C-alpha cells in the first residue's frame, strides 16, 4: 500500500514529476493544492490512479476549493473522494493484508444536529 502526499504542487510540478518517467501509482493521494484548477492534470491523475483521493480544503473557503472539474476528474478515475470541508478530519488506516480504512471524523462521531429531523 502506498500514499502520495503532494502538498501545494501545481500543474508545472506535476508535469515535471511525470517527465521523470518513474512509477507514481498510489492507493491514497492527498489531492494537490486542495483541488484547485491549477493542479490535478489528467495525466497526473491517470498515472497515480488512486483508490482514494483525499481532499484537504477548508469549509466554504474563499477559493472555491475543491473545484467541480477537479472532483469530476477524480470521479472519472474511479477514486473515492473524502473531503475535510464536508467530513472534518480524515483518518486513513493502512494495515498490511487488510482493506484501506478511510473514516471522516464527522461520520465517526456524528453530532445530533447533523441528523435529519424526525417525521
PDB file of N, CA and C in Angstrom:
ATOM      1  N   UNK A   1       0.841  -1.171   0.000  1.00  0.00           N
ATOM      2  CA  UNK A   1       0.000   0.000   0.000  1.00  0.00           C
ATOM      3  C   UNK A   1       0.886   1.234   0.000  1.00  0.00           C
ATOM      4  N   UNK A   2       0.379   2.270  -0.651  1.00  0.00           N
ATOM      5  CA  UNK A   2       1.184   3.482  -0.738  1.00  0.00           C
ATOM      6  C   UNK A   2       0.316   4.730  -0.682  1.00  0.00           C
ATOM      7  N   UNK A   3       0.939   5.813  -0.211  1.00  0.00           N
ATOM      8  CA  UNK A   3       0.290   7.105  -0.100  1.00  0.00           C
ATOM      9  C   UNK A   3       1.198   8.134  -0.767  1.00  0.00           C
ATOM     10  N   UNK A   4       0.597   9.015  -1.547  1.00  0.00           N
ATOM     11  CA  UNK A   4       1.352  10.094  -2.177  1.00  0.00           C
ATOM     12  C   UNK A   4       0.867  11.412  -1.581  1.00  0.00           C
ATOM     13  N   UNK A   5       1.790  12.111  -0.905  1.00  0.00           N
ATOM     14  CA  UNK A   5       1.497  13.402  -0.288  1.00  0.00           C
ATOM     15  C   UNK A   5       2.054  14.486  -1.207  1.00  0.00           C
ATOM     16  N   UNK A   6       1.184  15.300  -1.775  1.00  0.00           N
ATOM     17  CA  UNK A   6       1.612  16.242  -2.804  1.00  0.00           C
ATOM     18  C   UNK A   6       1.756  17.676  -2.335  1.00  0.00           C
ATOM     19  N   UNK A   7       1.163  18.020  -1.208  1.00  0.00           N
ATOM     20  CA  UNK A   7       1.241  19.404  -0.742  1.00  0.00           C
ATOM     21  C   UNK A   7       0.570  20.348  -1.722  1.00  0.00           C
ATOM     22  N   UNK A   8       1.178  21.498  -1.939  1.00  0.00           N
ATOM     23  CA  UNK A   8       0.591  22.537  -2.799  1.00  0.00           C
ATOM     24  C   UNK A   8       1.167  22.541  -4.208  1.00  0.00           C
ATOM     25  N   UNK A   9       1.624  21.403  -4.710  1.00  0.00           N
ATOM     26  CA  UNK A   9       2.153  21.406  -6.071  1.00  0.00           C
ATOM     27  C   UNK A   9       1.047  21.754  -7.058  1.00  0.00           C
ATOM     28  N   UNK A  10       1.458  22.310  -8.185  1.00  0.00           N
ATOM     29  CA  UNK A  10       0.514  22.669  -9.235  1.00  0.00           C
ATOM     30  C   UNK A  10       0.923  21.968 -10.516  1.00  0.00           C
ATOM     31  N   UNK A  11       0.281  22.301 -11.619  1.00  0.00           N
ATOM     32  CA  UNK A  11       0.449  21.594 -12.888  1.00  0.00           C
ATOM     33  C   UNK A  11       1.914  21.493 -13.335  1.00  0.00           C
ATOM     34  N   UNK A  12       2.690  22.552 -13.177  1.00  0.00           N
ATOM     35  CA  UNK A  12       4.088  22.522 -13.624  1.00  0.00           C
ATOM     36  C   UNK A  12       4.879  21.451 -12.873  1.00  0.00           C
ATOM     37  N   UNK A  13       4.675  21.368 -11.567  1.00  0.00           N
ATOM     38  CA  UNK A  13       5.371  20.342 -10.773  1.00  0.00           C
ATOM     39  C   UNK A  13       4.880  18.949 -11.132  1.00  0.00           C
ATOM     40  N   UNK A  14       3.577  18.811 -11.350  1.00  0.00           N
ATOM     41  CA  UNK A  14       3.036  17.512 -11.760  1.00  0.00           C
ATOM     42  C   UNK A  14       3.656  17.075 -13.082  1.00  0.00           C
ATOM     43  N   UNK A  15       3.755  18.001 -14.034  1.00  0.00           N
ATOM     44  CA  UNK A  15       4.349  17.683 -15.340  1.00  0.00           C
ATOM     45  C   UNK A  15       5.810  17.275 -15.189  1.00  0.00           C
ATOM     46  N   UNK A  16       6.519  17.947 -14.292  1.00  0.00           N
ATOM     47  CA  UNK A  16       7.927  17.600 -14.043  1.00  0.00           C
ATOM     48  C   UNK A  16       8.048  16.189 -13.463  1.00  0.00           C
ATOM     49  N   UNK A  17       7.171  15.867 -12.534  1.00  0.00           N
ATOM     50  CA  UNK A  17       7.174  14.522 -11.944  1.00  0.00           C
ATOM     51  C   UNK A  17       6.891  13.481 -13.023  1.00  0.00           C
ATOM     52  N   UNK A  18       5.902  13.756 -13.866  1.00  0.00           N
ATOM     53  CA  UNK A  18       5.565  12.813 -14.941  1.00  0.00           C
ATOM     54  C   UNK A  18       6.714  12.654 -15.929  1.00  0.00           C
ATOM     55  N   UNK A  19       7.434  13.740 -16.210  1.00  0.00           N
ATOM     56  CA  UNK A  19       8.542  13.707 -17.159  1.00  0.00           C
ATOM     57  C   UNK A  19       9.683  12.813 -16.688  1.00  0.00           C
ATOM     58  N   UNK A  20       9.795  12.598 -15.395  1.00  0.00           N
ATOM     59  CA  UNK A  20      10.848  11.719 -14.864  1.00  0.00           C
ATOM     60  C   UNK A  20      10.631  10.270 -15.267  1.00  0.00           C
ATOM     61  N   UNK A  21       9.377   9.932 -15.578  1.00  0.00           N
ATOM     62  CA  UNK A  21       9.072   8.579 -16.036  1.00  0.00           C
ATOM     63  C   UNK A  21       9.051   7.526 -14.951  1.00  0.00           C
ATOM     64  N   UNK A  22       9.054   7.944 -13.701  1.00  0.00           N
ATOM     65  CA  UNK A  22       9.013   6.988 -12.598  1.00  0.00           C
ATOM     66  C   UNK A  22       7.577   6.606 -12.290  1.00  0.00           C
ATOM     67  N   UNK A  23       7.410   5.422 -11.744  1.00  0.00           N
ATOM     68  CA  UNK A  23       6.080   4.971 -11.337  1.00  0.00           C
ATOM     69  C   UNK A  23       5.636   5.781 -10.119  1.00  0.00           C
ATOM     70  N   UNK A  24       4.466   6.381 -10.203  1.00  0.00           N
ATOM     71  CA  UNK A  24       3.959   7.180  -9.080  1.00  0.00           C
ATOM     72  C   UNK A  24       2.586   6.700  -8.618  1.00  0.00           C
ATOM     73  N   UNK A  25       2.203   5.520  -9.041  1.00  0.00           N
ATOM     74  CA  UNK A  25       0.901   4.991  -8.629  1.00  0.00           C
ATOM     75  C   UNK A  25       0.835   4.920  -7.110  1.00  0.00           C
ATOM     76  N   UNK A  26      -0.332   5.258  -6.565  1.00  0.00           N
ATOM     77  CA  UNK A  26      -0.523   5.223  -5.118  1.00  0.00           C
ATOM     78  C   UNK A  26      -1.963   4.850  -4.811  1.00  0.00           C
ATOM     79  N   UNK A  27      -2.150   4.130  -3.735  1.00  0.00           N
ATOM     80  CA  UNK A  27      -3.500   3.757  -3.308  1.00  0.00           C
ATOM     81  C   UNK A  27      -4.263   4.967  -2.781  1.00  0.00           C
ATOM     82  N   UNK A  28      -3.546   5.841  -2.072  1.00  0.00           N
ATOM     83  CA  UNK A  28      -4.150   7.032  -1.484  1.00  0.00           C
ATOM     84  C   UNK A  28      -3.347   8.244  -1.953  1.00  0.00           C
ATOM     85  N   UNK A  29      -4.058   9.257  -2.424  1.00  0.00           N
ATOM     86  CA  UNK A  29      -3.437  10.509  -2.858  1.00  0.00           C
ATOM     87  C   UNK A  29      -4.053  11.651  -2.083  1.00  0.00           C
ATOM     88  N   UNK A  30      -3.221  12.507  -1.504  1.00  0.00           N
ATOM     89  CA  UNK A  30      -3.725  13.763  -0.977  1.00  0.00           C
ATOM     90  C   UNK A  30      -3.713  14.704  -2.176  1.00  0.00           C
ATOM     91  N   UNK A  31      -4.894  15.096  -2.616  1.00  0.00           N
ATOM     92  CA  UNK A  31      -5.070  15.846  -3.857  1.00  0.00           C
ATOM     93  C   UNK A  31      -4.233  17.118  -3.829  1.00  0.00           C
ATOM     94  N   UNK A  32      -3.470  17.355  -4.910  1.00  0.00           N
ATOM     95  CA  UNK A  32      -2.621  18.542  -4.960  1.00  0.00           C
ATOM     96  C   UNK A  32      -3.401  19.850  -4.821  1.00  0.00           C
ATOM     97  N   UNK A  33      -2.808  20.777  -4.115  1.00  0.00           N
ATOM     98  CA  UNK A  33      -3.274  22.162  -3.970  1.00  0.00           C
ATOM     99  C   UNK A  33      -4.768  22.274  -3.676  1.00  0.00           C
ATOM    100  N   UNK A  34      -5.245  21.419  -2.791  1.00  0.00           N
ATOM    101  CA  UNK A  34      -6.613  21.485  -2.261  1.00  0.00           C
ATOM    102  C   UNK A  34      -7.694  21.287  -3.320  1.00  0.00           C
ATOM    103  N   UNK A  35      -7.301  20.746  -4.480  1.00  0.00           N
ATOM    104  CA  UNK A  35      -8.277  20.555  -5.557  1.00  0.00           C
ATOM    105  C   UNK A  35      -8.485  21.802  -6.391  1.00  0.00           C
ATOM    106  N   UNK A  36      -7.465  22.644  -6.493  1.00  0.00           N
ATOM    107  CA  UNK A  36      -7.574  23.867  -7.288  1.00  0.00           C
ATOM    108  C   UNK A  36      -7.547  23.524  -8.776  1.00  0.00           C
ATOM    109  N   UNK A  37      -7.985  24.481  -9.598  1.00  0.00           N
ATOM    110  CA  UNK A  37      -7.983  24.256 -11.047  1.00  0.00           C
ATOM    111  C   UNK A  37      -6.567  24.282 -11.628  1.00  0.00           C
ATOM    112  N   UNK A  38      -5.577  24.685 -10.835  1.00  0.00           N
ATOM    113  CA  UNK A  38      -4.190  24.749 -11.320  1.00  0.00           C
ATOM    114  C   UNK A  38      -3.415  23.472 -11.009  1.00  0.00           C
ATOM    115  N   UNK A  39      -4.139  22.417 -10.661  1.00  0.00           N
ATOM    116  CA  UNK A  39      -3.476  21.151 -10.328  1.00  0.00           C
ATOM    117  C   UNK A  39      -4.308  19.980 -10.828  1.00  0.00           C
ATOM    118  N   UNK A  40      -3.816  18.773 -10.568  1.00  0.00           N
ATOM    119  CA  UNK A  40      -4.505  17.533 -10.940  1.00  0.00           C
ATOM    120  C   UNK A  40      -4.678  17.399 -12.448  1.00  0.00           C
ATOM    121  N   UNK A  41      -3.553  17.508 -13.163  1.00  0.00           N
ATOM    122  CA  UNK A  41      -3.578  17.270 -14.608  1.00  0.00           C
ATOM    123  C   UNK A  41      -4.176  15.895 -14.884  1.00  0.00           C
ATOM    124  N   UNK A  42      -4.933  15.743 -15.961  1.00  0.00           N
ATOM    125  CA  UNK A  42      -5.490  14.421 -16.274  1.00  0.00           C
ATOM    126  C   UNK A  42      -4.417  13.326 -16.335  1.00  0.00           C
ATOM    127  N   UNK A  43      -3.259  13.637 -16.901  1.00  0.00           N
ATOM    128  CA  UNK A  43      -2.184  12.641 -16.988  1.00  0.00           C
ATOM    129  C   UNK A  43      -1.643  12.286 -15.606  1.00  0.00           C
ATOM    130  N   UNK A  44      -1.597  13.250 -14.710  1.00  0.00           N
ATOM    131  CA  UNK A  44      -1.129  13.007 -13.346  1.00  0.00           C
ATOM    132  C   UNK A  44      -2.110  12.099 -12.613  1.00  0.00           C
ATOM    133  N   UNK A  45      -3.400  12.422 -12.716  1.00  0.00           N
ATOM    134  CA  UNK A  45      -4.432  11.600 -12.071  1.00  0.00           C
ATOM    135  C   UNK A  45      -4.364  10.172 -12.607  1.00  0.00           C
ATOM    136  N   UNK A  46      -4.202  10.029 -13.913  1.00  0.00           N
ATOM    137  CA  UNK A  46      -4.121   8.696 -14.521  1.00  0.00           C
ATOM    138  C   UNK A  46      -2.877   7.946 -14.045  1.00  0.00           C
ATOM    139  N   UNK A  47      -1.758   8.629 -13.928  1.00  0.00           N
ATOM    140  CA  UNK A  47      -0.512   7.975 -13.505  1.00  0.00           C
ATOM    141  C   UNK A  47      -0.581   7.530 -12.042  1.00  0.00           C
ATOM    142  N   UNK A  48      -1.192   8.334 -11.202  1.00  0.00           N
ATOM    143  CA  UNK A  48      -1.308   7.971  -9.785  1.00  0.00           C
ATOM    144  C   UNK A  48      -2.379   6.906  -9.603  1.00  0.00           C
ATOM    145  N   UNK A  49      -3.500   7.060 -10.292  1.00  0.00           N
ATOM    146  CA  UNK A  49      -4.607   6.102 -10.260  1.00  0.00           C
ATOM    147  C   UNK A  49      -4.993   5.707  -8.831  1.00  0.00           C
ATOM    148  N   UNK A  50      -5.339   6.702  -8.000  1.00  0.00           N
ATOM    149  CA  UNK A  50      -5.621   6.402  -6.595  1.00  0.00           C
ATOM    150  C   UNK A  50      -6.977   5.746  -6.382  1.00  0.00           C
ATOM    151  N   UNK A  51      -7.073   4.942  -5.341  1.00  0.00           N
ATOM    152  CA  UNK A  51      -8.369   4.408  -4.915  1.00  0.00           C
ATOM    153  C   UNK A  51      -9.094   5.467  -4.083  1.00  0.00           C
ATOM    154  N   UNK A  52      -8.304   6.256  -3.343  1.00  0.00           N
ATOM    155  CA  UNK A  52      -8.838   7.329  -2.515  1.00  0.00           C
ATOM    156  C   UNK A  52      -8.091   8.615  -2.851  1.00  0.00           C
ATOM    157  N   UNK A  53      -8.825   9.668  -3.149  1.00  0.00           N
ATOM    158  CA  UNK A  53      -8.252  10.987  -3.405  1.00  0.00           C
ATOM    159  C   UNK A  53      -8.737  11.895  -2.271  1.00  0.00           C
ATOM    160  N   UNK A  54      -7.923  12.045  -1.245  1.00  0.00           N
ATOM    161  CA  UNK A  54      -8.301  12.817  -0.061  1.00  0.00           C
ATOM    162  C   UNK A  54      -8.129  14.299  -0.364  1.00  0.00           C
ATOM    163  N   UNK A  55      -9.204  15.052  -0.140  1.00  0.00           N
ATOM    164  CA  UNK A  55      -9.189  16.477  -0.452  1.00  0.00           C
ATOM    165  C   UNK A  55      -9.180  17.266   0.846  1.00  0.00           C
ATOM    166  N   UNK A  56      -8.079  17.973   1.075  1.00  0.00           N
ATOM    167  CA  UNK A  56      -7.919  18.798   2.270  1.00  0.00           C
ATOM    168  C   UNK A  56      -8.243  20.239   1.885  1.00  0.00           C
ATOM    169  N   UNK A  57      -9.451  20.666   2.236  1.00  0.00           N
ATOM    170  CA  UNK A  57      -9.890  22.022   1.914  1.00  0.00           C
ATOM    171  C   UNK A  57     -10.729  22.545   3.065  1.00  0.00           C
ATOM    172  N   UNK A  58     -10.658  23.836   3.288  1.00  0.00           N
ATOM    173  CA  UNK A  58     -11.432  24.455   4.351  1.00  0.00           C
ATOM    174  C   UNK A  58     -12.895  24.623   3.958  1.00  0.00           C
ATOM    175  N   UNK A  59     -13.762  24.505   4.923  1.00  0.00           N
ATOM    176  CA  UNK A  59     -15.193  24.669   4.711  1.00  0.00           C
ATOM    177  C   UNK A  59     -15.479  26.075   4.192  1.00  0.00           C
ATOM    178  N   UNK A  60     -16.219  26.159   3.099  1.00  0.00           N
ATOM    179  CA  UNK A  60     -16.611  27.422   2.471  1.00  0.00           C
ATOM    180  C   UNK A  60     -15.421  28.362   2.269  1.00  0.00           C
ATOM    181  N   UNK A  61     -14.283  27.812   1.834  1.00  0.00           N
ATOM    182  CA  UNK A  61     -13.099  28.639   1.627  1.00  0.00           C
ATOM    183  C   UNK A  61     -13.320  29.611   0.471  1.00  0.00           C
ATOM    184  N   UNK A  62     -12.657  30.724   0.505  1.00  0.00           N
ATOM    185  CA  UNK A  62     -12.873  31.786  -0.480  1.00  0.00           C
ATOM    186  C   UNK A  62     -12.365  31.453  -1.873  1.00  0.00           C
ATOM    187  N   UNK A  63     -11.595  30.373  -2.015  1.00  0.00           N
ATOM    188  CA  UNK A  63     -11.043  29.999  -3.308  1.00  0.00           C
ATOM    189  C   UNK A  63     -11.948  29.033  -4.068  1.00  0.00           C
ATOM    190  N   UNK A  64     -12.963  28.511  -3.396  1.00  0.00           N
ATOM    191  CA  UNK A  64     -13.860  27.559  -4.043  1.00  0.00           C
ATOM    192  C   UNK A  64     -13.262  26.174  -4.221  1.00  0.00           C
ATOM    193  N   UNK A  65     -12.273  25.847  -3.376  1.00  0.00           N
ATOM    194  CA  UNK A  65     -11.663  24.512  -3.445  1.00  0.00           C
ATOM    195  C   UNK A  65     -12.527  23.504  -2.718  1.00  0.00           C
ATOM    196  N   UNK A  66     -12.618  22.327  -3.201  1.00  0.00           N
ATOM    197  CA  UNK A  66     -12.127  21.823  -4.477  1.00  0.00           C
ATOM    198  C   UNK A  66     -13.028  22.267  -5.627  1.00  0.00           C
ATOM    199  N   UNK A  67     -12.436  22.459  -6.768  1.00  0.00           N
ATOM    200  CA  UNK A  67     -13.169  22.893  -7.950  1.00  0.00           C
ATOM    201  C   UNK A  67     -13.985  21.723  -8.506  1.00  0.00           C
ATOM    202  N   UNK A  68     -15.188  21.987  -8.994  1.00  0.00           N
ATOM    203  CA  UNK A  68     -16.043  20.909  -9.514  1.00  0.00           C
ATOM    204  C   UNK A  68     -15.391  20.081 -10.616  1.00  0.00           C
ATOM    205  N   UNK A  69     -14.634  20.732 -11.491  1.00  0.00           N
ATOM    206  CA  UNK A  69     -13.994  19.992 -12.589  1.00  0.00           C
ATOM    207  C   UNK A  69     -12.908  19.042 -12.080  1.00  0.00           C
ATOM    208  N   UNK A  70     -12.282  19.392 -10.963  1.00  0.00           N
ATOM    209  CA  UNK A  70     -11.265  18.515 -10.377  1.00  0.00           C
ATOM    210  C   UNK A  70     -11.940  17.337  -9.684  1.00  0.00           C
ATOM    211  N   UNK A  71     -13.027  17.595  -8.973  1.00  0.00           N
ATOM    212  CA  UNK A  71     -13.797  16.499  -8.366  1.00  0.00           C
ATOM    213  C   UNK A  71     -14.255  15.524  -9.451  1.00  0.00           C
ATOM    214  N   UNK A  72     -14.725  16.048 -10.569  1.00  0.00           N
ATOM    215  CA  UNK A  72     -15.184  15.199 -11.674  1.00  0.00           C
ATOM    216  C   UNK A  72     -14.038  14.372 -12.246  1.00  0.00           C
ATOM    217  N   UNK A  73     -12.860  14.962 -12.314  1.00  0.00           N
ATOM    218  CA  UNK A  73     -11.690  14.248 -12.845  1.00  0.00           C
ATOM    219  C   UNK A  73     -11.363  13.019 -11.994  1.00  0.00           C
ATOM    220  N   UNK A  74     -11.407  13.172 -10.675  1.00  0.00           N
ATOM    221  CA  UNK A  74     -11.134  12.038  -9.795  1.00  0.00           C
ATOM    222  C   UNK A  74     -12.290  11.035  -9.803  1.00  0.00           C
ATOM    223  N   UNK A  75     -13.505  11.524  -9.947  1.00  0.00           N
ATOM    224  CA  UNK A  75     -14.665  10.623 -10.046  1.00  0.00           C
ATOM    225  C   UNK A  75     -14.537   9.767 -11.297  1.00  0.00           C
ATOM    226  N   UNK A  76     -14.166  10.386 -12.400  1.00  0.00           N
ATOM    227  CA  UNK A  76     -13.982   9.657 -13.658  1.00  0.00           C
ATOM    228  C   UNK A  76     -12.887   8.595 -13.530  1.00  0.00           C
ATOM    229  N   UNK A  77     -11.890   8.876 -12.707  1.00  0.00           N
ATOM    230  CA  UNK A  77     -10.796   7.916 -12.478  1.00  0.00           C
ATOM    231  C   UNK A  77     -11.211   6.809 -11.513  1.00  0.00           C
ATOM    232  N   UNK A  78     -12.408   6.924 -10.935  1.00  0.00           N
ATOM    233  CA  UNK A  78     -12.906   5.882 -10.037  1.00  0.00           C
ATOM    234  C   UNK A  78     -12.438   6.002  -8.603  1.00  0.00           C
ATOM    235  N   UNK A  79     -11.912   7.163  -8.229  1.00  0.00           N
ATOM    236  CA  UNK A  79     -11.401   7.353  -6.868  1.00  0.00           C
ATOM    237  C   UNK A  79     -12.508   7.846  -5.936  1.00  0.00           C
ATOM    238  N   UNK A  80     -12.557   7.286  -4.738  1.00  0.00           N
ATOM    239  CA  UNK A  80     -13.407   7.830  -3.689  1.00  0.00           C
ATOM    240  C   UNK A  80     -12.794   9.169  -3.296  1.00  0.00           C
ATOM    241  N   UNK A  81     -13.624  10.140  -2.901  1.00  0.00           N
ATOM    242  CA  UNK A  81     -13.142  11.487  -2.659  1.00  0.00           C
ATOM    243  C   UNK A  81     -13.559  12.025  -1.288  1.00  0.00           C
ATOM    244  N   UNK A  82     -12.983  11.496  -0.211  1.00  0.00           N
ATOM    245  CA  UNK A  82     -13.294  12.056   1.103  1.00  0.00           C
ATOM    246  C   UNK A  82     -12.745  13.474   1.196  1.00  0.00           C
ATOM    247  N   UNK A  83     -13.538  14.368   1.834  1.00  0.00           N
ATOM    248  CA  UNK A  83     -13.195  15.786   1.872  1.00  0.00           C
ATOM    249  C   UNK A  83     -13.236  16.310   3.297  1.00  0.00           C
ATOM    250  N   UNK A  84     -12.209  17.073   3.662  1.00  0.00           N
ATOM    251  CA  UNK A  84     -12.185  17.641   5.002  1.00  0.00           C
ATOM    252  C   UNK A  84     -13.215  18.747   5.168  1.00  0.00           C
ATOM    253  N   UNK A  85     -13.556  19.456   4.096  1.00  0.00           N
ATOM    254  CA  UNK A  85     -14.544  20.529   4.227  1.00  0.00           C
ATOM    255  C   UNK A  85     -15.930  19.989   4.530  1.00  0.00           C
ATOM    256  N   UNK A  86     -16.204  18.772   4.129  1.00  0.00           N
ATOM    257  CA  UNK A  86     -17.506  18.158   4.379  1.00  0.00           C
ATOM    258  C   UNK A  86     -17.482  17.158   5.533  1.00  0.00           C
ATOM    259  N   UNK A  87     -16.390  16.407   5.652  1.00  0.00           N
ATOM    260  CA  UNK A  87     -16.340  15.328   6.641  1.00  0.00           C
ATOM    261  C   UNK A  87     -15.485  15.586   7.851  1.00  0.00           C
ATOM    262  N   UNK A  88     -14.842  16.744   7.920  1.00  0.00           N
ATOM    263  CA  UNK A  88     -13.917  17.005   9.018  1.00  0.00           C
ATOM    264  C   UNK A  88     -12.617  16.248   8.788  1.00  0.00           C
ATOM    265  N   UNK A  89     -11.903  15.982   9.858  1.00  0.00           N
ATOM    266  CA  UNK A  89     -10.631  15.267   9.751  1.00  0.00           C
ATOM    267  C   UNK A  89     -10.845  13.916   9.080  1.00  0.00           C
ATOM    268  N   UNK A  90      -9.926  13.550   8.212  1.00  0.00           N
ATOM    269  CA  UNK A  90      -9.985  12.274   7.509  1.00  0.00           C
ATOM    270  C   UNK A  90      -8.862  11.394   8.047  1.00  0.00           C
ATOM    271  N   UNK A  91      -9.211  10.213   8.526  1.00  0.00           N
ATOM    272  CA  UNK A  91      -8.219   9.267   9.014  1.00  0.00           C
ATOM    273  C   UNK A  91      -8.104   8.114   8.029  1.00  0.00           C
ATOM    274  N   UNK A  92      -6.880   7.845   7.589  1.00  0.00           N
ATOM    275  CA  UNK A  92      -6.607   6.735   6.677  1.00  0.00           C
ATOM    276  C   UNK A  92      -5.771   5.722   7.438  1.00  0.00           C
ATOM    277  N   UNK A  93      -6.260   4.484   7.505  1.00  0.00           N
ATOM    278  CA  UNK A  93      -5.534   3.426   8.200  1.00  0.00           C
ATOM    279  C   UNK A  93      -5.089   2.390   7.186  1.00  0.00           C
ATOM    280  N   UNK A  94      -3.786   2.160   7.153  1.00  0.00           N
ATOM    281  CA  UNK A  94      -3.194   1.170   6.260  1.00  0.00           C
ATOM    282  C   UNK A  94      -2.655   0.031   7.111  1.00  0.00           C
ATOM    283  N   UNK A  95      -3.231  -1.136   6.951  1.00  0.00           N
ATOM    284  CA  UNK A  95      -2.799  -2.317   7.683  1.00  0.00           C
ATOM    285  C   UNK A  95      -2.554  -3.419   6.668  1.00  0.00           C
ATOM    286  N   UNK A  96      -1.341  -3.953   6.651  1.00  0.00           N
ATOM    287  CA  UNK A  96      -0.996  -4.997   5.695  1.00  0.00           C
ATOM    288  C   UNK A  96      -2.013  -6.120   5.653  1.00  0.00           C
ATOM    289  N   UNK A  97      -2.431  -6.488   4.455  1.00  0.00           N
ATOM    290  CA  UNK A  97      -3.368  -7.586   4.278  1.00  0.00           C
ATOM    291  C   UNK A  97      -4.821  -7.213   4.527  1.00  0.00           C
ATOM    292  N   UNK A  98      -5.088  -5.970   4.895  1.00  0.00           N
ATOM    293  CA  UNK A  98      -6.454  -5.512   5.164  1.00  0.00           C
ATOM    294  C   UNK A  98      -6.818  -4.421   4.159  1.00  0.00           C
ATOM    295  N   UNK A  99      -8.115  -4.242   3.889  1.00  0.00           N
ATOM    296  CA  UNK A  99      -8.516  -3.127   3.027  1.00  0.00           C
ATOM    297  C   UNK A  99      -8.166  -1.787   3.687  1.00  0.00           C
ATOM    298  N   UNK A 100      -7.943  -0.787   2.873  1.00  0.00           N
ATOM    299  CA  UNK A 100      -7.673   0.551   3.389  1.00  0.00           C
ATOM    300  C   UNK A 100      -8.937   1.067   4.067  1.00  0.00           C
ATOM    301  N   UNK A 101      -8.767   1.608   5.262  1.00  0.00           N
ATOM    302  CA  UNK A 101      -9.896   2.138   6.018  1.00  0.00           C
ATOM    303  C   UNK A 101      -9.801   3.655   6.024  1.00  0.00           C
ATOM    304  N   UNK A 102     -10.823   4.316   5.482  1.00  0.00           N
ATOM    305  CA  UNK A 102     -10.869   5.773   5.442  1.00  0.00           C
ATOM    306  C   UNK A 102     -12.125   6.219   6.178  1.00  0.00           C
ATOM    307  N   UNK A 103     -11.936   7.042   7.213  1.00  0.00           N
ATOM    308  CA  UNK A 103     -13.058   7.470   8.045  1.00  0.00           C
ATOM    309  C   UNK A 103     -13.038   8.993   8.176  1.00  0.00           C
ATOM    310  N   UNK A 104     -14.193   9.607   7.964  1.00  0.00           N
ATOM    311  CA  UNK A 104     -14.351  11.043   8.200  1.00  0.00           C
ATOM    312  C   UNK A 104     -14.813  11.232   9.637  1.00  0.00           C
ATOM    313  N   UNK A 105     -14.173  12.125  10.334  1.00  0.00           N
ATOM    314  CA  UNK A 105     -14.468  12.352  11.752  1.00  0.00           C
ATOM    315  C   UNK A 105     -15.932  12.710  11.983  1.00  0.00           C
ATOM    316  N   UNK A 106     -16.520  13.489  11.109  1.00  0.00           N
ATOM    317  CA  UNK A 106     -17.919  13.877  11.300  1.00  0.00           C
ATOM    318  C   UNK A 106     -18.872  12.696  11.133  1.00  0.00           C
ATOM    319  N   UNK A 107     -18.444  11.657  10.469  1.00  0.00           N
ATOM    320  CA  UNK A 107     -19.260  10.439  10.373  1.00  0.00           C
ATOM    321  C   UNK A 107     -19.004   9.530  11.568  1.00  0.00           C
ATOM    322  N   UNK A 108     -17.756   9.462  12.014  1.00  0.00           N
ATOM    323  CA  UNK A 108     -17.396   8.611  13.146  1.00  0.00           C
ATOM    324  C   UNK A 108     -18.062   9.100  14.425  1.00  0.00           C
ATOM    325  N   UNK A 109     -18.034  10.404  14.637  1.00  0.00           N
ATOM    326  CA  UNK A 109     -18.603  10.980  15.863  1.00  0.00           C
ATOM    327  C   UNK A 109     -19.693  11.978  15.466  1.00  0.00           C
ATOM    328  N   UNK A 110     -20.702  11.459  14.817  1.00  0.00           N
ATOM    329  CA  UNK A 110     -21.770  12.301  14.290  1.00  0.00           C
ATOM    330  C   UNK A 110     -22.493  13.056  15.412  1.00  0.00           C
ATOM    331  N   UNK A 111     -22.736  14.326  15.206  1.00  0.00           N
ATOM    332  CA  UNK A 111     -23.441  15.173  16.157  1.00  0.00           C
ATOM    333  C   UNK A 111     -24.931  15.180  15.845  1.00  0.00           C
ATOM    334  N   UNK A 112     -25.727  15.349  16.847  1.00  0.00           N
ATOM    335  CA  UNK A 112     -27.169  15.280  16.657  1.00  0.00           C
ATOM    336  C   UNK A 112     -27.679  16.323  15.667  1.00  0.00           C
ATOM    337  N   UNK A 113     -27.015  17.448  15.562  1.00  0.00           N
ATOM    338  CA  UNK A 113     -27.524  18.498  14.672  1.00  0.00           C
ATOM    339  C   UNK A 113     -27.281  18.178  13.201  1.00  0.00           C
ATOM    340  N   UNK A 114     -26.538  17.096  12.914  1.00  0.00           N
ATOM    341  CA  UNK A 114     -26.401  16.640  11.530  1.00  0.00           C
ATOM    342  C   UNK A 114     -27.495  15.684  11.133  1.00  0.00           C
ATOM    343  N   UNK A 115     -28.259  15.186  12.094  1.00  0.00           N
ATOM    344  CA  UNK A 115     -29.333  14.233  11.796  1.00  0.00           C
ATOM    345  C   UNK A 115     -30.514  14.930  11.151  1.00  0.00           C
ATOM    346  N   UNK A 116     -31.192  14.205  10.304  1.00  0.00           N
ATOM    347  CA  UNK A 116     -32.409  14.730   9.696  1.00  0.00           C
ATOM    348  C   UNK A 116     -33.511  14.778  10.748  1.00  0.00           C
ATOM    349  N   UNK A 117     -34.383  15.768  10.667  1.00  0.00           N
ATOM    350  CA  UNK A 117     -35.475  15.819  11.652  1.00  0.00           C
ATOM    351  C   UNK A 117     -36.414  14.625  11.488  1.00  0.00           C
ATOM    352  N   UNK A 118     -36.980  14.185  12.605  1.00  0.00           N
ATOM    353  CA  UNK A 118     -37.934  13.074  12.572  1.00  0.00           C
ATOM    354  C   UNK A 118     -39.234  13.531  11.932  1.00  0.00           C
ATOM    355  N   UNK A 119     -39.881  12.641  11.228  1.00  0.00           N
ATOM    356  CA  UNK A 119     -41.179  12.987  10.601  1.00  0.00           C
ATOM    357  C   UNK A 119     -42.280  13.041  11.609  1.00  0.00           C
TER     358      UNK A 119
END
